[in-house]
Amino acid sequence: MGMGIIVVGIIMFGTGLVLFYSIEVGQTDPILRIAKNAGTFIGLSGMGVTMAGILLYLINRNEAPLEESFDS
């Protein structure tokens, strides 16, 4: 579950980078400005989703059982 979320977050981050950096800064076309702003939002959301996936992966790992010896 955690690895899937990590992959989705990385894809979102990459998509946000492409949208943000492929559109020039001084655009007056409203559609391109919306796409650039959406790229910012998608990229930042992708960073959060990736972090959530990493935390889920770390929390849900199975720990090795402890070997206890009660012999004296």
PDB file of N, CA and C in Angstrom:
ATOM      1  N   MET A   1       0.827  -1.197   0.000  1.00  0.00           N
ATOM      2  CA  MET A   1       0.000   0.000   0.000  1.00  0.00           C
ATOM      3  C   MET A   1       0.865   1.252   0.000  1.00  0.00           C
ATOM      4  N   GLY A   2       1.874   1.286   0.840  1.00  0.00           N
ATOM      5  CA  GLY A   2       2.732   2.460   0.928  1.00  0.00           C
ATOM      6  C   GLY A   2       3.514   2.703  -0.345  1.00  0.00           C
ATOM      7  N   MET A   3       3.982   1.616  -0.978  1.00  0.00           N
ATOM      8  CA  MET A   3       4.772   1.785  -2.213  1.00  0.00           C
ATOM      9  C   MET A   3       3.908   2.344  -3.348  1.00  0.00           C
ATOM     10  N   GLY A   4       2.661   1.935  -3.421  1.00  0.00           N
ATOM     11  CA  GLY A   4       1.762   2.475  -4.442  1.00  0.00           C
ATOM     12  C   GLY A   4       1.525   3.957  -4.268  1.00  0.00           C
ATOM     13  N   ILE A   5       1.367   4.372  -3.028  1.00  0.00           N
ATOM     14  CA  ILE A   5       1.154   5.790  -2.737  1.00  0.00           C
ATOM     15  C   ILE A   5       2.421   6.585  -3.054  1.00  0.00           C
ATOM     16  N   ILE A   6       3.580   6.004  -2.778  1.00  0.00           N
ATOM     17  CA  ILE A   6       4.839   6.680  -3.100  1.00  0.00           C
ATOM     18  C   ILE A   6       4.955   6.893  -4.603  1.00  0.00           C
ATOM     19  N   VAL A   7       4.606   5.874  -5.375  1.00  0.00           N
ATOM     20  CA  VAL A   7       4.683   5.981  -6.842  1.00  0.00           C
ATOM     21  C   VAL A   7       3.720   7.050  -7.351  1.00  0.00           C
ATOM     22  N   VAL A   8       2.496   7.064  -6.828  1.00  0.00           N
ATOM     23  CA  VAL A   8       1.520   8.083  -7.244  1.00  0.00           C
ATOM     24  C   VAL A   8       2.020   9.486  -6.895  1.00  0.00           C
ATOM     25  N   GLY A   9       2.620   9.643  -5.714  1.00  0.00           N
ATOM     26  CA  GLY A   9       3.148  10.947  -5.315  1.00  0.00           C
ATOM     27  C   GLY A   9       4.276  11.413  -6.209  1.00  0.00           C
ATOM     28  N   ILE A  10       5.160  10.491  -6.612  1.00  0.00           N
ATOM     29  CA  ILE A  10       6.261  10.857  -7.503  1.00  0.00           C
ATOM     30  C   ILE A  10       5.723  11.258  -8.875  1.00  0.00           C
ATOM     31  N   ILE A  11       4.705  10.547  -9.352  1.00  0.00           N
ATOM     32  CA  ILE A  11       4.090  10.914 -10.642  1.00  0.00           C
ATOM     33  C   ILE A  11       3.433  12.284 -10.548  1.00  0.00           C
ATOM     34  N   MET A  12       2.745  12.547  -9.450  1.00  0.00           N
ATOM     35  CA  MET A  12       2.123  13.864  -9.265  1.00  0.00           C
ATOM     36  C   MET A  12       3.177  14.966  -9.225  1.00  0.00           C
ATOM     37  N   PHE A  13       4.264  14.718  -8.514  1.00  0.00           N
ATOM     38  CA  PHE A  13       5.330  15.717  -8.422  1.00  0.00           C
ATOM     39  C   PHE A  13       5.935  15.980  -9.798  1.00  0.00           C
ATOM     40  N   GLY A  14       6.193  14.926 -10.555  1.00  0.00           N
ATOM     41  CA  GLY A  14       6.743  15.088 -11.907  1.00  0.00           C
ATOM     42  C   GLY A  14       5.798  15.838 -12.822  1.00  0.00           C
ATOM     43  N   THR A  15       4.510  15.523 -12.738  1.00  0.00           N
ATOM     44  CA  THR A  15       3.512  16.228 -13.550  1.00  0.00           C
ATOM     45  C   THR A  15       3.459  17.710 -13.178  1.00  0.00           C
ATOM     46  N   GLY A  16       3.537  18.003 -11.900  1.00  0.00           N
ATOM     47  CA  GLY A  16       3.535  19.398 -11.457  1.00  0.00           C
ATOM     48  C   GLY A  16       4.745  20.154 -11.963  1.00  0.00           C
ATOM     49  N   LEU A  17       5.915  19.498 -11.941  1.00  0.00           N
ATOM     50  CA  LEU A  17       7.118  20.147 -12.472  1.00  0.00           C
ATOM     51  C   LEU A  17       6.974  20.459 -13.957  1.00  0.00           C
ATOM     52  N   VAL A  18       6.448  19.505 -14.705  1.00  0.00           N
ATOM     53  CA  VAL A  18       6.275  19.715 -16.152  1.00  0.00           C
ATOM     54  C   VAL A  18       5.308  20.863 -16.406  1.00  0.00           C
ATOM     55  N   LEU A  19       4.174  20.868 -15.713  1.00  0.00           N
ATOM     56  CA  LEU A  19       3.206  21.947 -15.919  1.00  0.00           C
ATOM     57  C   LEU A  19       3.773  23.307 -15.508  1.00  0.00           C
ATOM     58  N   PHE A  20       4.494  23.348 -14.419  1.00  0.00           N
ATOM     59  CA  PHE A  20       4.994  24.627 -13.921  1.00  0.00           C
ATOM     60  C   PHE A  20       6.097  25.189 -14.812  1.00  0.00           C
ATOM     61  N   TYR A  21       7.065  24.345 -15.188  1.00  0.00           N
ATOM     62  CA  TYR A  21       8.221  24.846 -15.918  1.00  0.00           C
ATOM     63  C   TYR A  21       8.037  24.888 -17.430  1.00  0.00           C
ATOM     64  N   SER A  22       6.999  24.277 -17.967  1.00  0.00           N
ATOM     65  CA  SER A  22       6.816  24.320 -19.416  1.00  0.00           C
ATOM     66  C   SER A  22       6.080  25.583 -19.870  1.00  0.00           C
ATOM     67  N   ILE A  23       5.506  26.312 -18.948  1.00  0.00           N
ATOM     68  CA  ILE A  23       4.761  27.530 -19.287  1.00  0.00           C
ATOM     69  C   ILE A  23       5.561  28.736 -18.815  1.00  0.00           C
ATOM     70  N   GLU A  24       5.724  29.709 -19.713  1.00  0.00           N
ATOM     71  CA  GLU A  24       6.521  30.895 -19.398  1.00  0.00           C
ATOM     72  C   GLU A  24       5.825  31.759 -18.356  1.00  0.00           C
ATOM     73  N   VAL A  25       6.616  32.603 -17.691  1.00  0.00           N
ATOM     74  CA  VAL A  25       6.121  33.385 -16.562  1.00  0.00           C
ATOM     75  C   VAL A  25       5.136  34.471 -16.982  1.00  0.00           C
ATOM     76  N   GLY A  26       5.376  35.195 -18.052  1.00  0.00           N
ATOM     77  CA  GLY A  26       4.566  36.359 -18.404  1.00  0.00           C
ATOM     78  C   GLY A  26       3.352  36.060 -19.257  1.00  0.00           C
ATOM     79  N   GLN A  27       2.746  34.923 -19.123  1.00  0.00           N
ATOM     80  CA  GLN A  27       1.597  34.569 -19.957  1.00  0.00           C
ATOM     81  C   GLN A  27       0.372  35.384 -19.564  1.00  0.00           C
ATOM     82  N   THR A  28      -0.367  35.855 -20.585  1.00  0.00           N
ATOM     83  CA  THR A  28      -1.607  36.578 -20.324  1.00  0.00           C
ATOM     84  C   THR A  28      -2.828  35.722 -20.633  1.00  0.00           C
ATOM     85  N   ASP A  29      -2.623  34.581 -21.299  1.00  0.00           N
ATOM     86  CA  ASP A  29      -3.729  33.675 -21.597  1.00  0.00           C
ATOM     87  C   ASP A  29      -4.202  33.022 -20.292  1.00  0.00           C
ATOM     88  N   PRO A  30      -5.490  33.167 -19.965  1.00  0.00           N
ATOM     89  CA  PRO A  30      -5.963  32.644 -18.676  1.00  0.00           C
ATOM     90  C   PRO A  30      -5.841  31.117 -18.554  1.00  0.00           C
ATOM     91  N   ILE A  31      -5.992  30.405 -19.654  1.00  0.00           N
ATOM     92  CA  ILE A  31      -5.897  28.937 -19.593  1.00  0.00           C
ATOM     93  C   ILE A  31      -4.483  28.511 -19.220  1.00  0.00           C
ATOM     94  N   LEU A  32      -3.472  29.162 -19.797  1.00  0.00           N
ATOM     95  CA  LEU A  32      -2.092  28.815 -19.471  1.00  0.00           C
ATOM     96  C   LEU A  32      -1.731  29.207 -18.040  1.00  0.00           C
ATOM     97  N   ARG A  33      -2.281  30.329 -17.573  1.00  0.00           N
ATOM     98  CA  ARG A  33      -2.028  30.724 -16.181  1.00  0.00           C
ATOM     99  C   ARG A  33      -2.654  29.724 -15.215  1.00  0.00           C
ATOM    100  N   ILE A  34      -3.849  29.248 -15.533  1.00  0.00           N
ATOM    101  CA  ILE A  34      -4.498  28.235 -14.689  1.00  0.00           C
ATOM    102  C   ILE A  34      -3.683  26.949 -14.696  1.00  0.00           C
ATOM    103  N   ALA A  35      -3.157  26.567 -15.871  1.00  0.00           N
ATOM    104  CA  ALA A  35      -2.346  25.348 -15.958  1.00  0.00           C
ATOM    105  C   ALA A  35      -1.066  25.489 -15.135  1.00  0.00           C
ATOM    106  N   LYS A  36      -0.451  26.667 -15.172  1.00  0.00           N
ATOM    107  CA  LYS A  36       0.774  26.888 -14.368  1.00  0.00           C
ATOM    108  C   LYS A  36       0.455  26.832 -12.880  1.00  0.00           C
ATOM    109  N   ASN A  37      -0.638  27.460 -12.469  1.00  0.00           N
ATOM    110  CA  ASN A  37      -1.034  27.413 -11.061  1.00  0.00           C
ATOM    111  C   ASN A  37      -1.419  25.996 -10.644  1.00  0.00           C
ATOM    112  N   ALA A  38      -2.073  25.260 -11.535  1.00  0.00           N
ATOM    113  CA  ALA A  38      -2.411  23.868 -11.238  1.00  0.00           C
ATOM    114  C   ALA A  38      -1.136  23.035 -11.097  1.00  0.00           C
ATOM    115  N   GLY A  39      -0.118  23.340 -11.881  1.00  0.00           N
ATOM    116  CA  GLY A  39       1.152  22.640 -11.762  1.00  0.00           C
ATOM    117  C   GLY A  39       1.782  22.865 -10.402  1.00  0.00           C
ATOM    118  N   THR A  40       1.670  24.083  -9.894  1.00  0.00           N
ATOM    119  CA  THR A  40       2.177  24.361  -8.546  1.00  0.00           C
ATOM    120  C   THR A  40       1.431  23.527  -7.510  1.00  0.00           C
ATOM    121  N   PHE A  41       0.111  23.504  -7.607  1.00  0.00           N
ATOM    122  CA  PHE A  41      -0.701  22.764  -6.647  1.00  0.00           C
ATOM    123  C   PHE A  41      -0.445  21.259  -6.742  1.00  0.00           C
ATOM    124  N   ILE A  42      -0.392  20.733  -7.953  1.00  0.00           N
ATOM    125  CA  ILE A  42      -0.175  19.296  -8.134  1.00  0.00           C
ATOM    126  C   ILE A  42       1.214  18.899  -7.640  1.00  0.00           C
ATOM    127  N   GLY A  43       2.221  19.716  -7.912  1.00  0.00           N
ATOM    128  CA  GLY A  43       3.574  19.413  -7.453  1.00  0.00           C
ATOM    129  C   GLY A  43       3.686  19.397  -5.940  1.00  0.00           C
ATOM    130  N   LEU A  44       3.105  20.394  -5.290  1.00  0.00           N
ATOM    131  CA  LEU A  44       3.150  20.436  -3.826  1.00  0.00           C
ATOM    132  C   LEU A  44       2.330  19.304  -3.217  1.00  0.00           C
ATOM    133  N   SER A  45       1.200  18.995  -3.821  1.00  0.00           N
ATOM    134  CA  SER A  45       0.397  17.872  -3.339  1.00  0.00           C
ATOM    135  C   SER A  45       1.146  16.558  -3.511  1.00  0.00           C
ATOM    136  N   GLY A  46       1.868  16.427  -4.618  1.00  0.00           N
ATOM    137  CA  GLY A  46       2.657  15.228  -4.855  1.00  0.00           C
ATOM    138  C   GLY A  46       3.738  15.037  -3.805  1.00  0.00           C
ATOM    139  N   MET A  47       4.328  16.137  -3.357  1.00  0.00           N
ATOM    140  CA  MET A  47       5.325  16.040  -2.281  1.00  0.00           C
ATOM    141  C   MET A  47       4.674  15.510  -1.003  1.00  0.00           C
ATOM    142  N   GLY A  48       3.497  15.991  -0.688  1.00  0.00           N
ATOM    143  CA  GLY A  48       2.789  15.524   0.504  1.00  0.00           C
ATOM    144  C   GLY A  48       2.365  14.078   0.401  1.00  0.00           C
ATOM    145  N   VAL A  49       1.877  13.683  -0.768  1.00  0.00           N
ATOM    146  CA  VAL A  49       1.456  12.297  -0.975  1.00  0.00           C
ATOM    147  C   VAL A  49       2.655  11.363  -0.873  1.00  0.00           C
ATOM    148  N   THR A  50       3.786  11.777  -1.427  1.00  0.00           N
ATOM    149  CA  THR A  50       5.001  10.956  -1.330  1.00  0.00           C
ATOM    150  C   THR A  50       5.416  10.796   0.129  1.00  0.00           C
ATOM    151  N   MET A  51       5.390  11.864   0.889  1.00  0.00           N
ATOM    152  CA  MET A  51       5.743  11.782   2.306  1.00  0.00           C
ATOM    153  C   MET A  51       4.778  10.873   3.054  1.00  0.00           C
ATOM    154  N   ALA A  52       3.487  10.965   2.750  1.00  0.00           N
ATOM    155  CA  ALA A  52       2.508  10.095   3.402  1.00  0.00           C
ATOM    156  C   ALA A  52       2.773   8.630   3.051  1.00  0.00           C
ATOM    157  N   GLY A  53       3.123   8.362   1.801  1.00  0.00           N
ATOM    158  CA  GLY A  53       3.440   6.994   1.407  1.00  0.00           C
ATOM    159  C   GLY A  53       4.659   6.450   2.109  1.00  0.00           C
ATOM    160  N   ILE A  54       5.676   7.291   2.269  1.00  0.00           N
ATOM    161  CA  ILE A  54       6.886   6.863   2.982  1.00  0.00           C
ATOM    162  C   ILE A  54       6.548   6.542   4.434  1.00  0.00           C
ATOM    163  N   LEU A  55       5.749   7.405   5.065  1.00  0.00           N
ATOM    164  CA  LEU A  55       5.372   7.159   6.457  1.00  0.00           C
ATOM    165  C   LEU A  55       4.528   5.902   6.597  1.00  0.00           C
ATOM    166  N   LEU A  56       3.585   5.675   5.675  1.00  0.00           N
ATOM    167  CA  LEU A  56       2.797   4.444   5.719  1.00  0.00           C
ATOM    168  C   LEU A  56       3.672   3.217   5.539  1.00  0.00           C
ATOM    169  N   TYR A  57       4.627   3.306   4.640  1.00  0.00           N
ATOM    170  CA  TYR A  57       5.530   2.180   4.425  1.00  0.00           C
ATOM    171  C   TYR A  57       6.335   1.880   5.682  1.00  0.00           C
ATOM    172  N   LEU A  58       6.842   2.917   6.328  1.00  0.00           N
ATOM    173  CA  LEU A  58       7.649   2.712   7.528  1.00  0.00           C
ATOM    174  C   LEU A  58       6.815   2.212   8.704  1.00  0.00           C
ATOM    175  N   ILE A  59       5.584   2.673   8.832  1.00  0.00           N
ATOM    176  CA  ILE A  59       4.739   2.261   9.939  1.00  0.00           C
ATOM    177  C   ILE A  59       4.286   0.805   9.770  1.00  0.00           C
ATOM    178  N   ASN A  60       3.989   0.381   8.544  1.00  0.00           N
ATOM    179  CA  ASN A  60       3.416  -0.937   8.308  1.00  0.00           C
ATOM    180  C   ASN A  60       4.436  -2.038   8.079  1.00  0.00           C
ATOM    181  N   ARG A  61       5.721  -1.747   8.243  1.00  0.00           N
ATOM    182  CA  ARG A  61       6.718  -2.804   8.071  1.00  0.00           C
ATOM    183  C   ARG A  61       6.552  -3.842   9.166  1.00  0.00           C
ATOM    184  N   ASN A  62       6.774  -5.099   8.803  1.00  0.00           N
ATOM    185  CA  ASN A  62       6.724  -6.170   9.797  1.00  0.00           C
ATOM    186  C   ASN A  62       8.074  -6.284  10.466  1.00  0.00           C
ATOM    187  N   GLU A  63       8.058  -6.265  11.778  1.00  0.00           N
ATOM    188  CA  GLU A  63       9.298  -6.407  12.521  1.00  0.00           C
ATOM    189  C   GLU A  63       9.572  -7.882  12.769  1.00  0.00           C
ATOM    190  N   ALA A  64      10.832  -8.244  12.832  1.00  0.00           N
ATOM    191  CA  ALA A  64      11.207  -9.619  13.116  1.00  0.00           C
ATOM    192  C   ALA A  64      10.844  -9.942  14.572  1.00  0.00           C
ATOM    193  N   PRO A  65      10.315 -11.142  14.810  1.00  0.00           N
ATOM    194  CA  PRO A  65       9.965 -11.486  16.192  1.00  0.00           C
ATOM    195  C   PRO A  65      11.212 -11.603  17.058  1.00  0.00           C
ATOM    196  N   LEU A  66      11.071 -11.240  18.295  1.00  0.00           N
ATOM    197  CA  LEU A  66      12.191 -11.298  19.227  1.00  0.00           C
ATOM    198  C   LEU A  66      12.422 -12.740  19.675  1.00  0.00           C
ATOM    199  N   GLU A  67      13.661 -13.135  19.709  1.00  0.00           N
ATOM    200  CA  GLU A  67      14.036 -14.446  20.201  1.00  0.00           C
ATOM    201  C   GLU A  67      14.322 -14.313  21.690  1.00  0.00           C
ATOM    202  N   GLU A  68      13.444 -14.862  22.518  1.00  0.00           N
ATOM    203  CA  GLU A  68      13.629 -14.763  23.958  1.00  0.00           C
ATOM    204  C   GLU A  68      14.076 -16.115  24.505  1.00  0.00           C
ATOM    205  N   SER A  69      15.048 -16.075  25.331  1.00  0.00           N
ATOM    206  CA  SER A  69      15.550 -17.291  25.977  1.00  0.00           C
ATOM    207  C   SER A  69      15.387 -17.123  27.477  1.00  0.00           C
ATOM    208  N   PHE A  70      14.592 -18.011  28.071  1.00  0.00           N
ATOM    209  CA  PHE A  70      14.349 -17.928  29.503  1.00  0.00           C
ATOM    210  C   PHE A  70      15.201 -18.928  30.285  1.00  0.00           C
ATOM    211  N   ASP A  71      16.187 -19.546  29.619  1.00  0.00           N
ATOM    212  CA  ASP A  71      17.069 -20.490  30.315  1.00  0.00           C
ATOM    213  C   ASP A  71      18.051 -19.713  31.192  1.00  0.00           C
ATOM    214  N   SER A  72      18.290 -20.227  32.395  1.00  0.00           N
ATOM    215  CA  SER A  72      19.209 -19.550  33.303  1.00  0.00           C
ATOM    216  C   SER A  72      20.584 -20.148  33.212  1.00  0.00           C
TER     217      SER A  72
END
